[in-house]
């Protein structure tokens, strides 16, 4: 089962960190934070799908 709560917290925390970096004009760091969060959320989703039993 996909853990949407974990995905949400991952993305929300990254957004908060990215906004902090944007506020001090550190756009490169903000971009990296967002990319890494996107990748982590994708990993969470893919792992959940791989663990889910197949249904027809």
Protein backbone atom coordinates (compact mmCIF):
# COMPACT_ATOMS: atom_id res chain seq x y z
CA UNK A 1 0.00 0.00 0.00
CA UNK A 2 1.31 3.40 -0.95
CA UNK A 3 2.29 5.50 2.04
CA UNK A 4 0.89 8.84 0.94
CA UNK A 5 1.43 10.29 4.40
CA UNK A 6 5.18 9.65 4.16
CA UNK A 7 5.24 11.10 0.63
CA UNK A 8 3.34 14.18 1.83
CA UNK A 9 5.69 14.81 4.75
CA UNK A 10 8.72 14.31 2.52
CA UNK A 11 7.47 16.88 0.02
CA UNK A 12 6.13 19.32 2.63
CA UNK A 13 9.39 19.39 4.56
CA UNK A 14 11.36 19.88 1.38
CA UNK A 15 9.10 22.74 0.32
CA UNK A 16 9.63 24.42 3.67
CA UNK A 17 13.42 24.09 3.35
CA UNK A 18 13.33 25.30 -0.26
CA UNK A 19 11.30 28.37 0.70
CA UNK A 20 13.83 29.19 3.42
CA UNK A 21 16.59 29.04 0.81
CA UNK A 22 14.61 31.13 -1.67
CA UNK A 23 14.10 33.77 1.02
CA UNK A 24 17.87 34.23 1.21
CA UNK A 25 18.30 34.02 -2.59
CA UNK A 26 19.94 30.59 -2.46
CA UNK A 27 18.10 29.33 -5.53
CA UNK A 28 20.54 26.56 -6.37
CA UNK A 29 20.13 24.93 -2.98
CA UNK A 30 16.35 25.30 -3.21
CA UNK A 31 16.38 23.58 -6.60
CA UNK A 32 18.49 20.68 -5.29
CA UNK A 33 16.20 20.24 -2.28
CA UNK A 34 13.12 20.09 -4.51
CA UNK A 35 14.68 17.65 -6.97
CA UNK A 36 15.82 15.33 -4.17
CA UNK A 37 12.38 15.45 -2.55
CA UNK A 38 10.71 14.61 -5.84
CA UNK A 39 13.04 11.64 -6.32
CA UNK A 40 12.45 10.43 -2.75
CA UNK A 41 8.66 10.65 -3.17
CA UNK A 42 8.95 8.68 -6.42
CA UNK A 43 11.03 6.02 -4.65
CA UNK A 44 8.44 5.71 -1.89
CA UNK A 45 5.69 5.26 -4.47
CA UNK A 46 7.62 2.75 -6.60
CA UNK A 47 8.65 0.67 -3.58
CA UNK A 48 5.05 0.50 -2.41
CA UNK A 49 3.87 -0.59 -5.85
CA UNK A 50 6.53 -3.31 -6.00
CA UNK A 51 5.49 -4.62 -2.57
CA UNK A 52 1.77 -4.62 -3.34
CA UNK A 53 0.23 -7.96 -4.26
CA UNK A 54 -0.84 -8.22 -7.86
CA UNK A 55 -4.59 -8.11 -8.48
CA UNK A 56 -6.55 -8.69 -11.65
